[in-house]
Each structure stands twice: as structure tokens, then as C-alpha cells.
Amino acid sequence: MTEKILILDFGSQYTQLIARAVREANVYCEIIPYHATFEFEKGLKGIILSGSPFSVNDEKAPDVNVQSFIKQVPVLGVCYGAQLTAKRFGGRVEKSNKREYGRALLKKQKNDVLLQDVMEKSQVWMSHADTILELPKGFELLATTESIPVAAFKKVRLNGRSAHDSRPDSYRDTTHDFPLYGLQFHPEVYHSIEGKKILHNFLVNVCGCSQDWTPAHFITDTVAQLKEKIGDRRVVMALSGGVDSTVAATLINRAIGDHLYGIFVDNGVLRSNEFESVLSTYAQLRLNVKGIDAKQRFYRELAGKTDPEAKRKTIGRIFIEIFQEEAQRIEGIELLGQGTIYPDVIESVSVHGPSVTIKSHHNVGGLPEKMHLDLVEPLRFLFKDEVRKVGKELGIPEEMIGRHPFPGPGLAIRILGEITEEKVWLLQQADDLYMKALKDHHLYATVWQAGAILLPVKSVGVMGDERTYEYTVALRAVTSVDGMTADWAHLPYDFLADVSNSIINNVKGINRVVYDISSKPPATIEWE
């Protein structure tokens, strides 16, 4: 059975970062709401309690039974998790005189396995309004900072067991407590310089994790699980040419071969030559995929529509109609494959109450509800960077694995105003020149997402001795980790000048190029 760490989510903005740090240590973990029920199964090696926007002294503060947890596995409380631990065992937690936020230097008070190899005055990141003023009886101070009396601590008396004794599977009974630690700071964030080392110490030295969760391990396990789950049944899947759907389809294909039926629809707003190149890649991967050229059908339905939401809904509706028409031509379909990934699953489950609804845009416009098929989602517990690693392990070409995120409605939301075939062609040419230039100058991999936007603006220009009155294109490039926030990419001026000249000289109908220097927030990455 795969080893697992459970992260109980109290609503912190950093909870996903804890999971990513644990996964980077090659240890499998899952995030669940703090109120969810779970089993202490054999593979469970430890529990991490996340931070929270709440105060432990709030009347309806989130709460869990830490005392019962440590009868089963080691526990680490982070920020709110540490404060909750201290309060539950009789310590004193009160609102601080000032909000303790930002960088601080850790001062170790005792050598402990949790802080092993962590240097003196290691920088950590604080983000809390409450502070632990007194530790409970039977707890020991491990570290402070200049302004924080309790930055790290542990429960000392474990009914005769050392806190270093990390053999959970050998002591799975109720007579011995397992190690219990608390950190007032956030080890999972970038600004805690040795935070990942501290998490590593908890995972390996305290919980005894073997760190064997790798892309190859994931592929082997997932293919075996898919074979067992699917059996002889047939799966239909909508493919987009993107990373998630391609990796998911390749995994399913490894399990059931041609019993997977892929459908790739050209909605008329893909990038230049994308339909042909993606189908060619799918053929190389030996995926059973049918390409549907539906450009004109989409153009007819989009005619006259200028509102962004109306364009999105139209594209979603027509796609579902086409997908259903094609799926009905395949006999014996019982399952629907999807490339849902872990952030979508996490965001669909509320910390404040149970929910199992995945975000609609990751349900391919509502296909599961429309088609009444059971879902097959092999990537539902992977983060985006993990999906890419698995894709590389599967042998998927780099040009597909390294692709920038591309919106589901495609260029339709990068053409402001009405969609016409002429405008799509103009934007495809400009965007293609932009992407090629980024790759030729080795800049493509340095930005998270880039694209060209066709503005509903014409301006006067001069080409030779003639006046022109043509469209304006805006170039967009951002740097980001996950798309939640993004900064505009500081591309070299010489590069921007070359791209501008290339577009204006080669795309008849565009005579002006501008560069978007807005960050998110307050702007969004896409314009619509």
C-alpha cells in the first residue's frame, strides 16, 4: 500500500504549498477538510494540521481531536495547527499586540530531530495574528525568534517513548503517543529558507516515510488501478491538445488500449495549424483519436456575439452537442475520461462544508451531467508540475508537455468583440509569429503563459507611401507559479521590437503592436 501523509485543511491560503512540498520530497499526500472523516489505514504515516484565517479563540473556531490523532500517527501543526495543538493541551494562545507577518530569524533552543541540520538564525516566514504565550505542561520549546516566544515546540512525555522513535507501524495501539510537533511559522513557503528541510525531517526522521513516490511509481500504480476499474468497458474522452488531457489519455491508453475513444474537435479558434499538429502527435502516441473539423459550425453560432460570457457559453454548448453526436456513434460507451487535476478537486471542496462538485470548466462544460457516464480521472490527485513530470516519463513530446496553458474557449476570448473567420486568421498568424519568436530567443520556457490579443481598434499607419487603417494586436506574457497571481514578463526591448516588426510586416491587416504590462491582480491573464 502507498505511504500517505494527510493534510487537514483549516482554510489557509498556503495549504496547497504544504502538499506540494511534501510531494517534492517524493511522499504521497492528500488534502482533506479538517471536518472530514478518515480511516487510520496502514499506509498512513502522519498528519499535518494546516494554517487558517481563523483564530483558535473564535467562538466557532475549527477544531480537531489532536489527542486522538497522536495515539495513531505523528502529527505536525503549522501556524493555526500549532496554536490549536497548544490550546487543546492547556497552553495559552492570545491575540498578539501586533500582527506578526513577514521574515524572522529562527533561534534554536534545543537540538531536535525536527530541526536537524537547520542552521542557526535560519530565515522563516510568519503570518498570524495570534501567538502562543505559554506552552502546555509536558511540552518543550525548540525555537524562538526575536519577537515570537514560541516558534517551534514538541510534546515531550510520550508515555516512555522518545520523540525520535518513528516506527508508527510497530506501535499501532493506544498505549503510546506518537511524536507531536508545532511550528508557529510557515515552512512551506519560499521565504522560509530551510522550511522544506524541516518538512523533510518530519516526513523521514519522524514519520519514517521511504520517499518512494515517483512519476514511474505513479504510472505503474495508476495503470494497474485503471485496468482493474475499467476492465473490458469502453471509455470516451474529449481531448484538447493540452497537457492534462493528453497525459490522462496516455495513461488510460496504457491500461485499455483502443478501448479508449478520443475525440478532438476543431472549434475554429485553435492556434495556427494546431488541429493538424495535435492529431499528428496523438498518432505518434498511438492514441485512438478522431478529429472533427467543426470550424464553420462554430463560426455560424458565434456570429454577432460580442459578450465574453455569451461567446464562452456558445462554444461550450456547441462542443457538447458535437461530442455527444460523435460519442453516440460508438457502441458500448460506459465511462467518460477527463484530465481533472488536484487543484480543481481541492477548490471544489469547501473547508466550511462538504462538497463534491468539481468546477464546471473542468467538467468539459458539464459533460458528466449531460451524458450520465461514470468518470475516469487518472490525474485527480496530481498538481500541474507533477502532470508534466508524468508526461515526460510516459514519453510525450516536449513541445506538448511544455506548452503554455491555453484557454478552453481558445482565441475566442483573445479576440475582443465579434468572432469572424478573418479575425481568427489574423490572430492566428500574429500569435504564431510571437510563439516562434519566444522559442527562437529561448524565452518561451521562462514565461508561464503568453499570447496575442486582437483588439477591436483600428488605427492609422503608413506602409511605404500608403496610409493604412488596420487592427491593433496586444502581446501578453506573464510569469507565475500556478496562475492564481501573475506578474507581467519583462521581455527584452530588442525582442519586443523584433516581434512587432515581424507581425506588422507579415500579417496584412495589422499595423500596430502594443505590450501589456498589467499584473494579476488587478488585471487578469486573459483579456476576456
Protein backbone atom coordinates (compact mmCIF):
# COMPACT_ATOMS: atom_id res chain seq x y z
CA MET A 1 0.00 0.00 0.00
CA THR A 2 1.27 3.51 -0.87
CA GLU A 3 2.51 5.51 2.10
CA LYS A 4 0.46 8.63 2.71
CA ILE A 5 0.51 11.87 4.69
CA LEU A 6 -2.85 13.53 5.39
CA ILE A 7 -3.03 17.33 5.45
CA LEU A 8 -6.07 18.63 7.34
CA ASP A 9 -7.11 21.93 5.76
CA PHE A 10 -8.35 24.72 8.05
CA GLY A 11 -8.67 27.16 5.14
CA SER A 12 -5.13 28.54 4.82
CA GLN A 13 -4.05 30.13 1.55
CA TYR A 14 -0.83 28.11 1.90
CA THR A 15 -2.32 24.61 2.29
CA GLN A 16 -1.59 23.61 -1.31
CA LEU A 17 2.01 24.70 -0.80
CA ILE A 18 2.36 22.23 2.08
CA ALA A 19 1.13 19.47 -0.21
CA ARG A 20 3.50 20.50 -2.98
CA ALA A 21 6.45 20.50 -0.56
CA VAL A 22 5.52 17.02 0.69
CA ARG A 23 5.16 15.72 -2.87
CA GLU A 24 8.54 17.23 -3.81
CA ALA A 25 10.02 15.02 -1.08
CA ASN A 26 8.61 12.03 -3.04
CA VAL A 27 6.00 11.37 -0.37
CA TYR A 28 2.35 11.00 -1.40
CA CYS A 29 -0.13 13.21 0.45
CA GLU A 30 -3.75 14.28 0.26
CA ILE A 31 -5.56 17.40 1.46
CA ILE A 32 -8.93 16.95 3.15
CA PRO A 33 -11.16 19.44 5.02
CA TYR A 34 -10.49 19.38 8.77
CA HIS A 35 -14.05 18.12 9.40
CA ALA A 36 -13.84 15.17 7.00
CA THR A 37 -13.86 11.65 8.40
CA PHE A 38 -10.96 9.35 7.51
CA GLU A 39 -9.54 5.96 8.40
CA PHE A 40 -6.19 5.34 10.08
CA GLU A 41 -5.25 2.84 7.41
CA LYS A 42 -1.96 1.00 7.43
CA GLY A 43 -0.24 3.26 4.88
CA LEU A 44 -0.99 6.47 6.79
CA LYS A 45 2.35 7.73 8.14
CA GLY A 46 1.45 11.10 9.63
CA ILE A 47 -0.89 14.10 9.78
CA ILE A 48 -0.15 17.79 9.16
CA LEU A 49 -2.53 20.44 10.51
CA SER A 50 -2.58 23.50 8.23
CA GLY A 51 -2.82 27.19 8.96
CA SER A 52 -6.11 29.09 8.92
CA PRO A 53 -7.59 32.59 8.62
CA PHE A 54 -9.46 31.87 11.91
CA SER A 55 -8.35 32.49 15.47
CA VAL A 56 -8.34 29.49 17.83
CA ASN A 57 -10.22 31.74 20.27
CA ASP A 58 -13.12 32.38 17.88
CA GLU A 59 -16.42 31.01 19.12
CA LYS A 60 -16.75 28.73 16.10
CA ALA A 61 -13.05 28.08 15.55
CA PRO A 62 -12.27 24.91 13.52
CA ASP A 63 -11.26 22.08 15.84
CA VAL A 64 -9.97 18.52 15.65
CA ASN A 65 -9.10 15.93 18.28
CA VAL A 66 -5.30 16.15 18.22
CA GLN A 67 -5.10 13.95 21.34
CA SER A 68 -6.72 11.03 19.49
CA PHE A 69 -4.56 11.52 16.37
CA ILE A 70 -1.28 11.02 18.24
CA LYS A 71 -2.50 7.67 19.50
CA GLN A 72 -2.20 6.54 15.87
CA VAL A 73 0.43 8.58 13.95
CA PRO A 74 2.89 11.50 14.32
CA VAL A 75 1.35 14.97 13.97
CA LEU A 76 2.79 18.35 12.90
CA GLY A 77 0.80 21.55 13.49
CA VAL A 78 1.62 24.54 11.27
CA CYS A 79 0.65 28.07 12.42
CA TYR A 80 -3.06 27.67 13.31
CA GLY A 81 -2.41 23.93 13.66
CA ALA A 82 0.31 24.70 16.23
CA GLN A 83 -1.91 27.17 18.10
CA LEU A 84 -4.79 24.68 18.16
CA THR A 85 -2.43 22.00 19.49
CA ALA A 86 -1.15 24.27 22.25
CA LYS A 87 -4.65 25.34 23.28
CA ARG A 88 -6.06 21.80 23.26
CA PHE A 89 -3.37 20.61 25.66
CA GLY A 90 -3.85 23.55 28.05
CA GLY A 91 -1.45 26.19 26.71
CA ARG A 92 -2.24 29.90 26.41
CA VAL A 93 -2.90 31.40 22.98
CA GLU A 94 -3.87 35.07 22.72
CA LYS A 95 -4.10 37.80 20.12
CA SER A 96 -0.72 39.38 19.58
CA ASN A 97 -0.17 43.09 20.23
CA LYS A 98 0.82 43.38 16.59
CA ARG A 99 0.20 41.26 13.53
CA GLU A 100 3.23 39.04 13.20
CA TYR A 101 3.81 38.91 9.48
CA GLY A 102 6.95 38.55 7.35
CA ARG A 103 10.52 37.37 7.74
CA ALA A 104 12.01 36.32 11.08
CA LEU A 105 15.18 34.56 12.20
CA LEU A 106 14.86 31.24 13.99
CA LYS A 107 16.78 30.82 17.27
CA LYS A 108 17.12 27.17 18.20
CA GLN A 109 16.70 26.47 21.91
CA LYS A 110 17.31 22.73 21.71
CA ASN A 111 18.73 20.24 19.24
CA ASP A 112 15.93 18.05 17.96
CA VAL A 113 15.38 15.69 15.05
CA LEU A 114 12.80 18.10 13.56
CA LEU A 115 15.40 20.88 13.27
CA GLN A 116 18.29 18.61 12.31
CA ASP A 117 20.82 20.35 10.01
CA VAL A 118 18.86 23.63 10.19
CA MET A 119 21.35 26.48 10.62
CA GLU A 120 21.26 28.97 13.45
CA LYS A 121 19.24 32.10 12.59
CA SER A 122 17.58 30.42 9.63
CA GLN A 123 15.05 32.75 7.97
CA VAL A 124 11.39 31.73 8.38
CA TRP A 125 8.06 33.32 7.36
CA MET A 126 5.44 34.39 9.89
CA SER A 127 1.78 35.09 9.05
CA HIS A 128 -0.51 35.12 12.08
CA ALA A 129 -2.45 37.40 14.43
CA ASP A 130 -2.50 35.08 17.48
CA THR A 131 0.58 33.97 19.36
CA ILE A 132 1.40 31.14 21.79
CA LEU A 133 2.33 32.76 25.12
CA GLU A 134 2.59 29.64 27.28
CA LEU A 135 3.22 26.04 26.26
CA PRO A 136 1.14 23.30 27.89
CA LYS A 137 2.60 21.14 30.64
CA GLY A 138 4.69 18.35 29.17
CA PHE A 139 5.72 20.36 26.10
CA GLU A 140 9.21 21.60 25.27
CA LEU A 141 10.36 24.76 23.49
CA LEU A 142 12.51 24.06 20.42
CA ALA A 143 12.91 27.52 18.86
CA THR A 144 12.03 31.20 19.23
CA THR A 145 12.50 34.33 17.14
CA GLU A 146 13.29 37.88 18.21
CA SER A 147 9.60 38.69 18.62
CA ILE A 148 7.97 35.24 18.98
CA PRO A 149 8.35 33.44 22.33
CA VAL A 150 7.29 30.10 20.84
CA ALA A 151 8.30 29.44 17.22
CA ALA A 152 8.65 25.63 17.43
CA PHE A 153 7.79 23.06 20.09
CA LYS A 154 7.15 19.39 20.77
CA LYS A 155 5.27 17.23 23.22
CA VAL A 156 7.91 15.73 25.49
CA ARG A 157 6.44 12.91 27.54
CA LEU A 158 5.21 10.26 25.14
CA ASN A 159 4.45 7.63 27.81
CA GLY A 160 8.02 6.44 27.79
CA ARG A 161 8.62 6.74 24.04
CA SER A 162 11.22 9.06 22.60
CA ALA A 163 10.05 11.68 20.15
CA HIS A 164 12.74 10.27 17.84
CA ASP A 165 11.09 6.85 17.80
CA SER A 166 9.34 6.99 14.47
CA ARG A 167 8.11 3.44 13.93
CA PRO A 168 4.38 4.02 13.55
CA ASP A 169 3.55 0.61 12.11
CA SER A 170 5.26 -1.12 15.05
CA TYR A 171 3.28 0.79 17.68
CA ARG A 172 -0.22 1.00 16.26
CA ASP A 173 -2.03 0.82 19.60
CA THR A 174 -3.48 3.25 22.12
CA THR A 175 -0.90 2.84 24.87
CA HIS A 176 1.78 5.04 23.33
CA ASP A 177 1.60 8.58 21.98
CA PHE A 178 3.37 9.34 18.71
CA PRO A 179 5.51 12.46 18.22
CA LEU A 180 3.64 15.78 18.25
CA TYR A 181 5.25 18.98 16.94
CA GLY A 182 4.15 22.57 16.34
CA LEU A 183 5.58 25.33 14.14
CA GLN A 184 4.34 28.91 14.54
CA PHE A 185 5.87 29.83 11.15
CA HIS A 186 5.12 28.53 7.64
CA PRO A 187 7.83 26.07 6.49
CA GLU A 188 6.08 25.50 3.17
CA VAL A 189 6.56 29.00 1.71
CA TYR A 190 9.51 30.18 -0.35
CA HIS A 191 10.63 32.74 2.25
CA SER A 192 11.26 30.05 4.87
CA ILE A 193 14.72 29.27 3.52
CA GLU A 194 15.11 25.85 5.17
CA GLY A 195 11.40 25.13 5.56
CA LYS A 196 11.46 22.17 3.18
CA LYS A 197 14.36 20.69 5.15
CA ILE A 198 12.22 20.90 8.31
CA LEU A 199 9.30 19.22 6.49
CA HIS A 200 11.71 16.58 5.19
CA ASN A 201 12.86 15.92 8.76
CA PHE A 202 9.24 15.43 9.84
CA LEU A 203 8.44 13.15 6.91
CA VAL A 204 11.56 10.99 7.05
CA ASN A 205 13.03 11.24 10.56
CA VAL A 206 9.74 11.43 12.47
CA CYS A 207 7.18 9.63 10.27
CA GLY A 208 9.59 7.17 8.69
CA CYS A 209 8.46 7.77 5.10
CA SER A 210 10.51 5.90 2.49
CA GLN A 211 10.23 8.62 -0.21
CA ASP A 212 9.37 6.18 -2.99
CA TRP A 213 6.54 8.11 -4.62
CA THR A 214 7.96 8.97 -8.09
CA PRO A 215 6.48 9.53 -11.58
CA ALA A 216 7.43 5.97 -12.56
CA HIS A 217 5.83 4.64 -9.37
CA PHE A 218 2.69 6.68 -10.09
CA ILE A 219 2.42 5.38 -13.66
CA THR A 220 2.78 1.74 -12.62
CA ASP A 221 0.20 2.06 -9.83
CA THR A 222 -2.25 4.12 -11.89
CA VAL A 223 -2.21 1.85 -14.93
CA ALA A 224 -2.84 -1.16 -12.68
CA GLN A 225 -5.72 0.65 -10.95
CA LEU A 226 -7.22 1.71 -14.29
CA LYS A 227 -7.10 -1.85 -15.60
CA GLU A 228 -8.93 -3.06 -12.51
CA LYS A 229 -11.50 -0.23 -12.52
CA ILE A 230 -12.28 -0.21 -16.26
CA GLY A 231 -11.95 -3.87 -17.14
CA ASP A 232 -13.45 -4.55 -20.59
CA ARG A 233 -15.55 -1.41 -20.65
CA ARG A 234 -15.08 1.40 -23.16
CA VAL A 235 -14.09 4.98 -22.36
CA VAL A 236 -14.79 8.10 -24.41
CA MET A 237 -12.76 11.24 -23.82
CA ALA A 238 -12.63 14.79 -25.13
CA LEU A 239 -9.06 15.80 -25.96
CA SER A 240 -7.84 19.38 -26.28
CA GLY A 241 -4.18 19.04 -27.19
CA GLY A 242 -3.30 20.34 -23.73
CA VAL A 243 -1.03 18.72 -21.18
CA ASP A 244 -3.68 17.41 -18.77
CA SER A 245 -5.97 15.67 -21.26
CA THR A 246 -3.04 14.23 -23.23
CA VAL A 247 -1.33 12.74 -20.15
CA ALA A 248 -4.66 11.39 -18.84
CA ALA A 249 -5.46 9.80 -22.22
CA THR A 250 -1.98 8.24 -22.47
CA LEU A 251 -2.37 6.64 -19.03
CA ILE A 252 -5.82 5.28 -19.90
CA ASN A 253 -4.47 4.03 -23.23
CA ARG A 254 -1.68 2.17 -21.39
CA ALA A 255 -4.38 0.39 -19.41
CA ILE A 256 -7.05 -0.40 -22.04
CA GLY A 257 -5.56 0.39 -25.48
CA ASP A 258 -8.09 1.04 -28.24
CA HIS A 259 -10.99 0.71 -25.82
CA LEU A 260 -10.29 4.42 -25.24
CA TYR A 261 -12.03 6.57 -27.87
CA GLY A 262 -10.67 10.11 -28.06
CA ILE A 263 -12.50 12.98 -29.76
CA PHE A 264 -10.61 16.15 -30.73
CA VAL A 265 -12.78 18.97 -32.04
CA ASP A 266 -11.51 21.88 -34.13
CA ASN A 267 -13.71 24.71 -32.85
CA GLY A 268 -12.25 27.24 -35.26
CA VAL A 269 -10.41 29.19 -32.55
CA LEU A 270 -7.35 26.97 -32.08
CA ARG A 271 -3.85 28.27 -32.77
CA SER A 272 -2.39 28.17 -36.28
CA ASN A 273 -2.09 24.57 -37.61
CA GLU A 274 -2.84 23.23 -34.13
CA PHE A 275 -5.53 20.81 -35.25
CA GLU A 276 -3.19 19.02 -37.67
CA SER A 277 -0.12 19.05 -35.40
CA VAL A 278 -2.01 17.75 -32.36
CA LEU A 279 -3.58 14.89 -34.34
CA SER A 280 -0.10 14.02 -35.64
CA THR A 281 1.24 13.86 -32.05
CA TYR A 282 -1.68 11.68 -30.97
CA ALA A 283 -0.88 9.32 -33.84
CA GLN A 284 2.75 9.11 -32.65
CA LEU A 285 1.47 8.23 -29.17
CA ARG A 286 -0.79 5.58 -30.75
CA LEU A 287 -3.90 7.09 -29.22
CA ASN A 288 -7.22 6.17 -30.78
CA VAL A 289 -8.42 9.71 -31.57
CA LYS A 290 -10.90 11.03 -34.12
CA GLY A 291 -10.50 14.63 -35.29
CA ILE A 292 -13.68 16.60 -36.04
CA ASP A 293 -13.42 19.72 -38.24
CA ALA A 294 -16.30 21.84 -36.94
CA LYS A 295 -14.92 25.32 -37.65
CA GLN A 296 -17.80 26.58 -39.77
CA ARG A 297 -20.43 25.36 -37.33
CA PHE A 298 -18.78 27.34 -34.52
CA TYR A 299 -18.37 30.45 -36.70
CA ARG A 300 -22.08 30.40 -37.60
CA GLU A 301 -23.13 30.13 -33.96
CA LEU A 302 -20.66 32.83 -32.81
CA ALA A 303 -21.76 35.37 -35.44
CA GLY A 304 -22.96 38.60 -33.87
CA LYS A 305 -21.92 37.68 -30.32
CA THR A 306 -19.63 40.17 -28.57
CA ASP A 307 -20.20 39.49 -24.86
CA PRO A 308 -17.35 37.31 -23.45
CA GLU A 309 -19.69 35.09 -21.43
CA ALA A 310 -22.00 34.61 -24.41
CA LYS A 311 -19.04 33.51 -26.51
CA ARG A 312 -17.88 31.07 -23.82
CA LYS A 313 -21.35 29.55 -23.39
CA THR A 314 -21.84 29.22 -27.15
CA ILE A 315 -18.53 27.40 -27.58
CA GLY A 316 -19.31 25.13 -24.62
CA ARG A 317 -22.81 24.33 -25.88
CA ILE A 318 -21.73 23.53 -29.44
CA PHE A 319 -18.84 21.44 -28.19
CA ILE A 320 -21.17 19.32 -26.04
CA GLU A 321 -23.55 18.84 -28.96
CA ILE A 322 -20.74 17.68 -31.25
CA PHE A 323 -19.17 15.47 -28.59
CA GLN A 324 -22.48 13.79 -27.82
CA GLU A 325 -23.19 13.23 -31.53
CA GLU A 326 -19.81 11.56 -32.01
CA ALA A 327 -19.97 9.56 -28.75
CA GLN A 328 -23.37 8.13 -29.73
CA ARG A 329 -21.77 6.65 -32.84
CA ILE A 330 -19.54 4.48 -30.63
CA GLU A 331 -21.18 1.35 -29.26
CA GLY A 332 -20.90 0.31 -25.63
CA ILE A 333 -19.52 3.52 -24.09
CA GLU A 334 -19.88 3.39 -20.31
CA LEU A 335 -17.19 5.73 -18.99
CA LEU A 336 -16.04 9.32 -19.56
CA GLY A 337 -12.33 10.11 -19.26
CA GLN A 338 -11.23 13.54 -18.00
CA GLY A 339 -7.99 15.34 -17.23
CA THR A 340 -9.13 16.80 -13.90
CA ILE A 341 -6.11 17.67 -11.73
CA TYR A 342 -5.74 18.10 -7.97
CA PRO A 343 -6.13 21.91 -7.63
CA ASP A 344 -9.58 21.59 -9.26
CA VAL A 345 -10.56 18.87 -6.78
CA ILE A 346 -9.30 20.86 -3.80
CA GLU A 347 -11.04 24.08 -4.88
CA SER A 348 -14.34 22.24 -5.26
CA VAL A 349 -14.35 21.05 -1.64
CA SER A 350 -15.21 23.71 0.90
CA VAL A 351 -13.43 23.84 4.26
CA HIS A 352 -16.68 25.20 5.68
CA GLY A 353 -18.84 22.33 4.48
CA PRO A 354 -18.67 19.15 2.40
CA SER A 355 -18.97 19.36 -1.35
CA VAL A 356 -18.11 17.03 -4.18
CA THR A 357 -18.79 19.32 -7.14
CA ILE A 358 -15.86 19.81 -9.48
CA LYS A 359 -15.59 23.26 -11.12
CA SER A 360 -17.73 23.31 -14.25
CA HIS A 361 -14.99 24.39 -16.64
CA HIS A 362 -13.04 21.25 -15.73
CA ASN A 363 -16.07 19.10 -16.39
CA VAL A 364 -15.76 19.98 -20.08
CA GLY A 365 -18.73 22.31 -19.97
CA GLY A 366 -20.85 19.91 -17.95
CA LEU A 367 -20.38 16.69 -19.95
CA PRO A 368 -20.78 14.32 -16.96
CA GLU A 369 -24.19 15.79 -16.13
CA LYS A 370 -25.29 15.67 -19.77
CA MET A 371 -24.09 12.17 -20.58
CA HIS A 372 -24.70 10.34 -17.28
CA LEU A 373 -21.41 8.45 -17.52
CA ASP A 374 -19.13 7.46 -14.67
CA LEU A 375 -15.85 9.38 -14.62
CA VAL A 376 -12.30 8.13 -15.08
CA GLU A 377 -9.87 10.78 -13.80
CA PRO A 378 -6.34 9.37 -13.50
CA LEU A 379 -4.77 12.76 -12.68
CA ARG A 380 -7.19 13.92 -9.98
CA PHE A 381 -4.50 13.75 -7.28
CA LEU A 382 -1.66 15.41 -9.22
CA PHE A 383 -0.52 19.03 -9.34
CA LYS A 384 0.29 20.60 -12.74
CA ASP A 385 4.06 20.24 -12.38
CA GLU A 386 3.58 16.58 -11.42
CA VAL A 387 1.42 16.02 -14.51
CA ARG A 388 4.29 17.34 -16.65
CA LYS A 389 6.79 15.01 -14.92
CA VAL A 390 4.50 12.04 -15.50
CA GLY A 391 4.08 13.10 -19.13
CA LYS A 392 7.84 13.15 -19.65
CA GLU A 393 8.10 9.70 -18.06
CA LEU A 394 5.42 8.49 -20.49
CA GLY A 395 7.46 9.76 -23.45
CA ILE A 396 5.05 12.51 -24.53
CA PRO A 397 6.94 15.03 -26.76
CA GLU A 398 8.38 18.09 -25.02
CA GLU A 399 6.54 20.52 -27.31
CA MET A 400 3.25 19.22 -25.87
CA ILE A 401 4.42 18.75 -22.25
CA GLY A 402 5.98 22.21 -22.12
CA ARG A 403 3.03 24.01 -23.71
CA HIS A 404 1.77 27.15 -22.07
CA PRO A 405 -1.75 26.98 -20.61
CA PHE A 406 -4.31 27.75 -23.32
CA PRO A 407 -7.92 28.78 -22.54
CA GLY A 408 -10.73 26.35 -23.25
CA PRO A 409 -12.59 28.89 -25.47
CA GLY A 410 -9.30 29.37 -27.31
CA LEU A 411 -8.70 32.51 -29.36
CA ALA A 412 -12.38 33.46 -28.99
CA ILE A 413 -11.54 35.23 -25.72
CA ARG A 414 -8.42 36.77 -27.25
CA ILE A 415 -10.46 38.40 -30.00
CA LEU A 416 -12.30 41.24 -28.33
CA GLY A 417 -15.72 41.71 -29.86
CA GLU A 418 -17.34 39.59 -32.57
CA ILE A 419 -15.61 36.47 -33.87
CA THR A 420 -15.16 36.24 -37.64
CA GLU A 421 -13.07 33.86 -39.73
CA GLU A 422 -10.96 36.80 -40.95
CA LYS A 423 -10.18 37.94 -37.39
CA VAL A 424 -9.28 34.39 -36.36
CA TRP A 425 -6.85 34.15 -39.27
CA LEU A 426 -5.23 37.50 -38.37
CA LEU A 427 -4.76 36.49 -34.75
CA GLN A 428 -3.50 33.01 -35.61
CA GLN A 429 -0.76 34.49 -37.80
CA ALA A 430 0.27 37.10 -35.23
CA ASP A 431 0.20 34.59 -32.38
CA ASP A 432 2.22 32.06 -34.38
CA LEU A 433 4.95 34.62 -35.10
CA TYR A 434 5.01 35.59 -31.40
CA MET A 435 5.30 31.95 -30.20
CA LYS A 436 8.05 31.16 -32.72
CA ALA A 437 10.00 34.25 -31.68
CA LEU A 438 9.75 33.32 -27.99
CA LYS A 439 11.09 29.85 -28.75
CA ASP A 440 13.83 31.10 -31.11
CA HIS A 441 15.07 33.53 -28.44
CA HIS A 442 14.86 30.84 -25.70
CA LEU A 443 12.24 32.87 -23.82
CA TYR A 444 9.26 30.51 -24.14
CA ALA A 445 10.19 28.42 -21.10
CA THR A 446 10.91 31.50 -18.97
CA VAL A 447 7.29 32.70 -19.06
CA TRP A 448 4.27 30.89 -17.65
CA GLN A 449 1.83 31.93 -20.36
CA ALA A 450 1.96 34.13 -23.45
CA GLY A 451 -0.44 35.04 -26.22
CA ALA A 452 -1.57 37.71 -28.64
CA ILE A 453 -4.87 39.58 -28.34
CA LEU A 454 -6.70 41.16 -31.28
CA LEU A 455 -8.22 44.46 -30.20
CA PRO A 456 -11.44 45.93 -31.65
CA VAL A 457 -9.41 49.02 -32.51
CA LYS A 458 -8.18 50.24 -35.88
CA SER A 459 -5.60 52.94 -36.21
CA VAL A 460 -3.87 54.89 -38.98
CA GLY A 461 -0.47 53.65 -40.13
CA VAL A 462 1.93 54.14 -43.01
CA MET A 463 3.21 51.27 -45.17
CA GLY A 464 5.55 52.57 -47.87
CA ASP A 465 3.80 55.55 -49.41
CA GLU A 466 0.33 54.35 -48.45
CA ARG A 467 -1.83 55.10 -45.46
CA THR A 468 -3.33 52.07 -43.72
CA TYR A 469 -6.24 51.71 -41.35
CA GLU A 470 -5.79 48.34 -39.69
CA TYR A 471 -6.09 46.37 -36.44
CA THR A 472 -4.02 46.57 -33.28
CA VAL A 473 -2.58 43.49 -31.55
CA ALA A 474 -1.60 43.40 -27.88
CA LEU A 475 1.09 40.96 -26.76
CA ARG A 476 0.74 39.38 -23.32
CA ALA A 477 3.35 37.39 -21.35
CA VAL A 478 3.28 36.64 -17.63
CA THR A 479 5.36 34.85 -15.05
CA SER A 480 3.53 32.78 -12.43
CA VAL A 481 3.66 29.60 -10.36
CA ASP A 482 0.04 28.48 -10.65
CA GLY A 483 -1.87 31.27 -12.42
CA MET A 484 -3.55 32.49 -9.21
CA THR A 485 -1.29 35.55 -9.27
CA ALA A 486 0.94 36.67 -12.13
CA ASP A 487 3.44 39.41 -12.97
CA TRP A 488 3.98 40.74 -16.48
CA ALA A 489 7.11 39.26 -18.03
CA HIS A 490 9.94 41.76 -18.51
CA LEU A 491 10.80 40.69 -22.05
CA PRO A 492 13.83 42.44 -23.64
CA TYR A 493 13.06 45.59 -25.61
CA ASP A 494 15.03 44.34 -28.63
CA PHE A 495 12.94 41.18 -28.68
CA LEU A 496 9.66 43.14 -28.50
CA ALA A 497 10.82 45.42 -31.29
CA ASP A 498 11.69 42.43 -33.50
CA VAL A 499 8.33 40.73 -32.84
CA SER A 500 6.44 43.94 -33.56
CA ASN A 501 8.24 44.39 -36.88
CA SER A 502 7.70 40.74 -37.79
CA ILE A 503 3.94 40.88 -37.16
CA ILE A 504 3.37 44.20 -38.92
CA ASN A 505 5.48 43.22 -41.94
CA ASN A 506 3.99 39.75 -42.37
CA VAL A 507 0.34 39.98 -41.32
CA LYS A 508 -1.65 42.19 -43.68
CA GLY A 509 -4.43 43.73 -41.61
CA ILE A 510 -2.34 44.57 -38.51
CA ASN A 511 -0.35 47.80 -38.37
CA ARG A 512 0.21 48.34 -34.64
CA VAL A 513 1.55 46.17 -31.79
CA VAL A 514 1.42 47.03 -28.07
CA TYR A 515 2.69 45.16 -24.98
CA ASP A 516 0.50 44.56 -21.90
CA ILE A 517 2.36 45.39 -18.66
CA SER A 518 -0.52 44.67 -16.25
CA SER A 519 -0.13 42.18 -13.41
CA LYS A 520 -2.72 39.90 -11.80
CA PRO A 521 -4.25 41.26 -9.64
CA PRO A 522 -5.70 43.73 -10.50
CA ALA A 523 -5.78 42.61 -14.16
CA THR A 524 -6.42 39.04 -15.30
CA ILE A 525 -4.13 37.00 -17.53
CA GLU A 526 -6.69 36.74 -20.33
CA TRP A 527 -8.46 39.86 -21.55
CA GLU A 528 -11.93 38.26 -21.55
